[in-house]
N, C-alpha and C. Protein backbone atom coordinates (compact mmCIF):
# COMPACT_ATOMS: atom_id res chain seq x y z
N MET A 1 1.75 3.41 11.94
CA MET A 1 2.14 3.74 10.94
C MET A 1 1.14 2.80 10.06
N ASN A 2 1.83 1.37 9.91
CA ASN A 2 0.88 0.69 9.09
C ASN A 2 -0.75 0.86 9.30
N SER A 3 -1.66 0.96 10.04
CA SER A 3 -2.85 1.24 10.41
C SER A 3 -3.19 2.57 9.79
N ALA A 4 -2.11 3.20 10.28
CA ALA A 4 -3.17 4.81 9.77
C ALA A 4 -3.15 4.84 8.39
N ALA A 5 -1.88 5.03 7.71
CA ALA A 5 -1.84 5.49 6.20
C ALA A 5 -0.87 3.74 5.04
N GLY A 6 -1.29 2.67 5.81
CA GLY A 6 -0.71 1.62 4.78
C GLY A 6 0.72 1.27 4.92
N GLY A 7 1.36 2.45 5.46
CA GLY A 7 2.71 2.44 5.98
C GLY A 7 3.32 2.94 4.11
N GLY A 8 2.69 3.48 3.46
CA GLY A 8 3.27 3.87 1.94
C GLY A 8 4.08 4.75 2.06
N PRO A 9 3.09 5.94 2.71
CA PRO A 9 4.02 7.52 2.66
C PRO A 9 5.63 7.56 3.39
N PRO A 10 5.52 6.62 4.60
CA PRO A 10 7.23 6.66 4.57
C PRO A 10 8.34 6.05 3.63
N VAL A 11 7.86 4.59 3.16
CA VAL A 11 8.59 3.53 2.26
C VAL A 11 8.79 4.39 0.72
N SER A 12 7.56 5.33 0.69
CA SER A 12 8.08 6.18 -0.50
C SER A 12 8.98 7.07 -0.66
N LEU A 13 9.08 7.76 -0.02
CA LEU A 13 9.79 9.20 0.12
C LEU A 13 11.33 8.44 0.40
N TYR A 14 11.13 7.54 0.93
CA TYR A 14 12.37 6.87 1.20
C TYR A 14 13.06 6.60 0.18
N ALA A 15 11.88 5.64 -1.10
CA ALA A 15 12.48 5.46 -2.36
C ALA A 15 12.79 6.35 -3.57
N VAL A 16 11.99 7.76 -3.50
CA VAL A 16 12.06 8.65 -3.76
C VAL A 16 13.49 9.17 -3.72
N ASN A 17 14.00 9.30 -2.14
CA ASN A 17 15.42 9.77 -1.66
C ASN A 17 16.66 9.08 -1.76
N ALA A 18 15.89 7.57 -2.26
CA ALA A 18 17.28 6.64 -2.51
C ALA A 18 17.34 6.79 -3.78
N GLY A 19 16.01 7.01 -4.99
CA GLY A 19 16.67 6.85 -6.75
C GLY A 19 16.39 5.66 -6.85
N TRP A 20 15.38 5.17 -6.00
CA TRP A 20 14.90 3.60 -6.94
C TRP A 20 14.04 3.60 -7.74
N THR A 21 14.51 2.88 -8.86
CA THR A 21 13.59 3.01 -9.83
C THR A 21 11.74 2.36 -9.88
N VAL A 22 11.32 1.59 -10.33
CA VAL A 22 10.17 1.23 -10.23
C VAL A 22 10.49 -0.04 -10.19
N ARG A 23 11.08 -0.82 -10.93
CA ARG A 23 11.63 -2.38 -10.67
C ARG A 23 12.43 -2.72 -9.34
N GLU A 24 12.89 -1.49 -8.56
CA GLU A 24 13.90 -1.40 -7.43
C GLU A 24 12.44 -1.38 -6.23
N PHE A 25 11.75 -0.63 -6.23
CA PHE A 25 10.63 -0.11 -5.48
C PHE A 25 9.47 -0.94 -5.06
N VAL A 26 8.89 -1.49 -6.11
CA VAL A 26 8.06 -2.81 -5.96
C VAL A 26 8.14 -3.83 -5.19
N PRO A 27 9.14 -4.38 -5.08
CA PRO A 27 9.54 -5.60 -4.89
C PRO A 27 10.34 -5.39 -3.01
N ASN A 28 10.55 -4.49 -2.99
CA ASN A 28 11.42 -3.79 -1.39
C ASN A 28 9.54 -3.21 -0.68
N ALA A 29 9.02 -2.95 -1.62
CA ALA A 29 7.31 -1.90 -1.25
C ALA A 29 6.67 -3.53 -0.72
N GLN A 30 6.68 -4.51 -1.30
CA GLN A 30 5.71 -5.36 -1.07
C GLN A 30 6.31 -6.51 0.09
N PHE A 31 7.34 -6.42 0.34
CA PHE A 31 8.15 -7.05 1.58
C PHE A 31 8.14 -6.37 2.39
N HIS A 32 8.55 -5.40 2.85
CA HIS A 32 8.44 -3.87 3.85
C HIS A 32 6.75 -4.51 4.13
N GLY A 33 5.99 -4.05 2.97
CA GLY A 33 4.35 -4.87 3.62
C GLY A 33 3.80 -6.10 3.95
N VAL A 34 4.74 -6.90 3.85
CA VAL A 34 4.07 -8.30 4.10
C VAL A 34 5.00 -8.25 5.39
N LEU A 35 6.02 -7.91 5.86
CA LEU A 35 6.85 -8.03 7.59
C LEU A 35 5.54 -7.21 8.21
N VAL A 36 5.41 -5.72 7.45
CA VAL A 36 4.71 -4.98 8.76
C VAL A 36 3.38 -6.03 8.83
N ASN A 37 2.56 -6.50 7.90
CA ASN A 37 1.40 -6.79 8.33
C ASN A 37 1.20 -7.98 8.77
N ALA A 38 2.29 -9.31 8.73
CA ALA A 38 2.59 -10.11 9.59
C ALA A 38 3.09 -9.61 11.08
N PHE A 39 3.61 -8.73 11.69
CA PHE A 39 3.35 -8.20 12.69
C PHE A 39 2.35 -7.85 13.64
N SER A 40 1.77 -6.64 12.59
CA SER A 40 0.41 -6.50 12.59
C SER A 40 -0.66 -7.46 13.29
N VAL A 41 -0.71 -8.58 12.32
CA VAL A 41 -1.19 -9.89 12.71
C VAL A 41 -1.46 -10.48 13.53
N ALA A 42 0.16 -9.97 14.08
CA ALA A 42 0.81 -10.96 15.34
C ALA A 42 0.34 -10.34 16.07
N ALA A 43 0.17 -9.07 16.43
CA ALA A 43 0.11 -8.48 17.34
C ALA A 43 -1.36 -8.15 17.59
N ASN A 44 -1.95 -8.03 17.03
CA ASN A 44 -3.71 -7.45 17.04
C ASN A 44 -4.80 -8.68 16.49
N GLY A 45 -4.49 -9.41 16.03
CA GLY A 45 -5.05 -10.78 15.39
C GLY A 45 -5.74 -10.72 13.54
N THR A 46 -6.23 -11.29 13.37
CA THR A 46 -6.86 -11.01 11.58
C THR A 46 -7.81 -10.35 11.69
N PRO A 47 -7.54 -9.52 11.25
CA PRO A 47 -8.93 -8.45 10.79
C PRO A 47 -10.79 -9.16 11.03
N ARG A 48 -11.29 -8.37 11.74
CA ARG A 48 -12.71 -8.43 12.24
C ARG A 48 -13.95 -8.30 10.55
N LEU A 49 -13.67 -8.91 9.51
CA LEU A 49 -14.33 -8.35 8.44
C LEU A 49 -15.66 -8.85 8.61
N GLY A 50 -16.02 -10.01 9.59
CA GLY A 50 -17.26 -10.42 9.31
C GLY A 50 -17.44 -11.20 8.84
N THR A 51 -18.28 -11.88 7.63
CA THR A 51 -18.51 -12.61 7.21
C THR A 51 -17.83 -13.27 6.52
N ALA A 52 -18.25 -14.06 5.84
CA ALA A 52 -17.55 -15.04 4.22
C ALA A 52 -17.27 -14.32 3.15
N GLN A 53 -18.14 -13.21 3.02
CA GLN A 53 -18.63 -12.58 1.37
C GLN A 53 -17.82 -11.32 1.55
N TRP A 54 -17.04 -10.85 3.39
CA TRP A 54 -15.96 -9.63 3.12
C TRP A 54 -14.95 -9.89 2.92
N TRP A 55 -14.21 -11.83 3.41
CA TRP A 55 -13.17 -12.32 3.25
C TRP A 55 -13.37 -12.22 1.15
N GLY A 56 -14.04 -13.01 0.99
CA GLY A 56 -14.52 -13.10 -0.51
C GLY A 56 -13.75 -11.74 -1.49
N ALA A 57 -14.54 -11.07 -0.69
CA ALA A 57 -14.47 -9.03 -1.31
C ALA A 57 -13.10 -8.80 -1.44
N ALA A 58 -11.70 -9.02 -0.01
CA ALA A 58 -10.89 -8.76 0.07
C ALA A 58 -10.15 -9.04 -0.89
N VAL A 59 -10.49 -10.32 -0.79
CA VAL A 59 -9.18 -11.61 -1.61
C VAL A 59 -9.63 -11.62 -2.99
N ALA A 60 -10.84 -11.31 -3.71
CA ALA A 60 -10.90 -10.52 -4.92
C ALA A 60 -9.97 -9.17 -5.19
N ALA A 61 -10.20 -8.37 -4.30
CA ALA A 61 -9.72 -6.97 -4.42
C ALA A 61 -8.17 -7.14 -4.77
N MET A 62 -7.47 -8.02 -3.81
CA MET A 62 -6.24 -8.28 -4.26
C MET A 62 -5.77 -8.79 -5.40
N THR A 63 -6.13 -10.33 -5.59
CA THR A 63 -6.25 -10.75 -6.51
C THR A 63 -6.17 -9.45 -8.34
N THR A 64 -7.36 -8.89 -7.88
CA THR A 64 -7.51 -7.67 -9.19
C THR A 64 -6.66 -6.82 -9.14
N GLY A 65 -5.95 -6.12 -7.85
CA GLY A 65 -4.39 -5.55 -7.71
C GLY A 65 -3.44 -5.94 -8.60
N ALA A 66 -3.32 -7.38 -8.25
CA ALA A 66 -1.94 -7.97 -8.52
C ALA A 66 -2.05 -8.36 -10.06
N LEU A 67 -3.25 -8.57 -10.22
CA LEU A 67 -3.20 -8.92 -12.14
C LEU A 67 -3.32 -7.58 -12.78
N LEU A 68 -3.73 -6.77 -11.66
CA LEU A 68 -3.68 -5.35 -12.85
C LEU A 68 -2.51 -4.71 -12.90
N GLY A 69 -1.81 -5.13 -11.76
CA GLY A 69 -0.86 -4.42 -11.90
C GLY A 69 0.76 -4.71 -12.78
N ARG A 70 0.72 -6.40 -12.69
CA ARG A 70 1.19 -7.14 -13.49
C ARG A 70 1.23 -7.03 -14.85
N ALA A 71 -0.27 -6.55 -15.14
CA ALA A 71 -0.44 -5.76 -16.79
C ALA A 71 -0.04 -5.07 -17.31
N LEU A 72 0.01 -3.45 -15.85
CA LEU A 72 0.37 -2.35 -16.42
C LEU A 72 1.51 -1.82 -16.47
N ALA A 73 2.33 -2.91 -15.74
CA ALA A 73 3.80 -2.79 -15.41
C ALA A 73 4.78 -2.57 -16.62
N GLY A 74 4.74 -3.35 -17.52
CA GLY A 74 5.41 -2.66 -18.62
C GLY A 74 4.97 -1.50 -19.16
N ARG A 75 3.82 -1.22 -19.28
CA ARG A 75 3.02 -0.43 -20.37
C ARG A 75 3.40 1.22 -19.59
N VAL A 76 3.82 1.37 -17.55
CA VAL A 76 3.01 2.55 -17.38
C VAL A 76 5.20 3.18 -17.98
N PRO A 77 4.80 4.27 -18.27
CA PRO A 77 6.92 4.67 -18.26
C PRO A 77 7.08 5.24 -16.26
N GLU A 78 8.22 4.88 -16.34
CA GLU A 78 8.87 5.27 -14.98
C GLU A 78 8.73 6.09 -14.31
N PRO A 79 8.68 7.93 -15.32
CA PRO A 79 8.34 9.19 -14.26
C PRO A 79 6.43 9.00 -13.61
N ARG A 80 5.78 8.42 -14.49
CA ARG A 80 4.30 8.38 -14.47
C ARG A 80 4.00 7.29 -13.52
N ALA A 81 4.97 6.58 -12.74
CA ALA A 81 4.83 5.52 -11.88
C ALA A 81 4.84 6.45 -10.59
N ARG A 82 6.24 6.72 -10.73
CA ARG A 82 6.97 7.24 -9.68
C ARG A 82 5.57 8.67 -8.90
N LEU A 83 5.33 8.89 -10.24
CA LEU A 83 3.94 9.96 -9.81
C LEU A 83 3.02 9.20 -8.94
N LEU A 84 2.43 8.41 -9.53
CA LEU A 84 1.15 7.75 -9.26
C LEU A 84 1.58 6.93 -7.88
N VAL A 85 2.72 6.19 -7.40
CA VAL A 85 2.68 5.99 -5.72
C VAL A 85 3.11 7.33 -5.26
N LEU A 86 3.84 8.61 -5.67
CA LEU A 86 3.44 9.39 -4.32
C LEU A 86 2.76 10.17 -4.65
N LEU A 87 1.30 9.95 -5.12
CA LEU A 87 0.11 9.93 -4.87
C LEU A 87 -0.82 9.85 -4.08
N LEU A 88 -0.49 8.20 -4.96
CA LEU A 88 -1.52 7.34 -3.46
C LEU A 88 -0.11 7.33 -2.23
N ALA A 89 0.37 7.60 -1.73
CA ALA A 89 1.32 7.90 -1.01
C ALA A 89 0.46 9.21 -0.30
N LEU A 90 0.18 10.10 -1.04
CA LEU A 90 0.13 11.71 -0.56
C LEU A 90 -1.40 11.32 0.66
N ALA A 91 -2.22 11.19 -0.42
CA ALA A 91 -3.42 10.23 -0.45
C ALA A 91 -3.98 9.51 1.37
N GLY A 92 -3.06 8.78 1.02
CA GLY A 92 -2.96 8.14 2.22
C GLY A 92 -2.64 8.91 3.58
N GLY A 93 -1.75 9.68 3.36
CA GLY A 93 -1.33 10.42 4.38
C GLY A 93 -2.52 11.59 4.56
N ALA A 94 -2.74 12.01 3.69
CA ALA A 94 -3.97 12.91 3.75
C ALA A 94 -5.11 12.54 4.73
N THR A 95 -5.68 11.10 3.80
CA THR A 95 -6.59 10.67 5.06
C THR A 95 -6.42 10.27 6.48
N THR A 96 -5.02 9.77 6.99
CA THR A 96 -5.09 9.97 8.30
C THR A 96 -4.81 10.89 8.74
N LEU A 97 -4.37 12.22 8.31
CA LEU A 97 -4.06 13.82 8.88
C LEU A 97 -5.64 14.06 9.41
N ALA A 98 -6.60 13.70 8.03
CA ALA A 98 -8.24 13.92 8.31
C ALA A 98 -9.06 13.34 9.29
N LYS A 99 -8.26 12.22 9.76
CA LYS A 99 -9.07 10.91 10.60
C LYS A 99 -8.57 12.09 12.16
N GLY A 100 -7.42 11.95 12.06
CA GLY A 100 -6.50 12.75 12.74
C GLY A 100 -7.52 13.76 14.15
N LEU A 101 -7.52 14.67 13.16
CA LEU A 101 -8.09 15.98 13.20
C LEU A 101 -9.85 16.09 13.10
N TRP A 102 -10.26 15.60 12.51
CA TRP A 102 -11.87 15.70 12.55
C TRP A 102 -12.98 14.21 13.07
N GLY A 103 -11.41 13.14 14.17
CA GLY A 103 -12.71 12.41 14.51
C GLY A 103 -12.63 10.61 13.61
N PRO A 104 -13.03 9.78 13.99
CA PRO A 104 -12.86 8.81 13.47
C PRO A 104 -14.21 9.08 12.61
């Protein structure tokens, strides 16, 4: 599930069913992501991104996402944040389904 859709759909659905707030969801989703990705790296090795430029781009994207998330965390209302999480999970699941139906 991690490589297919990032693990987001099942964690997001669990959070909604458990009634988690965004403040409860974020650290739990981060812990889940770190744990699942650590096992993925242990089983498959590090990603083959090629040049250092791609690794730099990946680190820059993660840093930018973390900084934007921190800046927006207090400004986005709870219902809108929940909707965004569910839409991202839906997009990940739909992408996985499309890949499965129409090939790589």
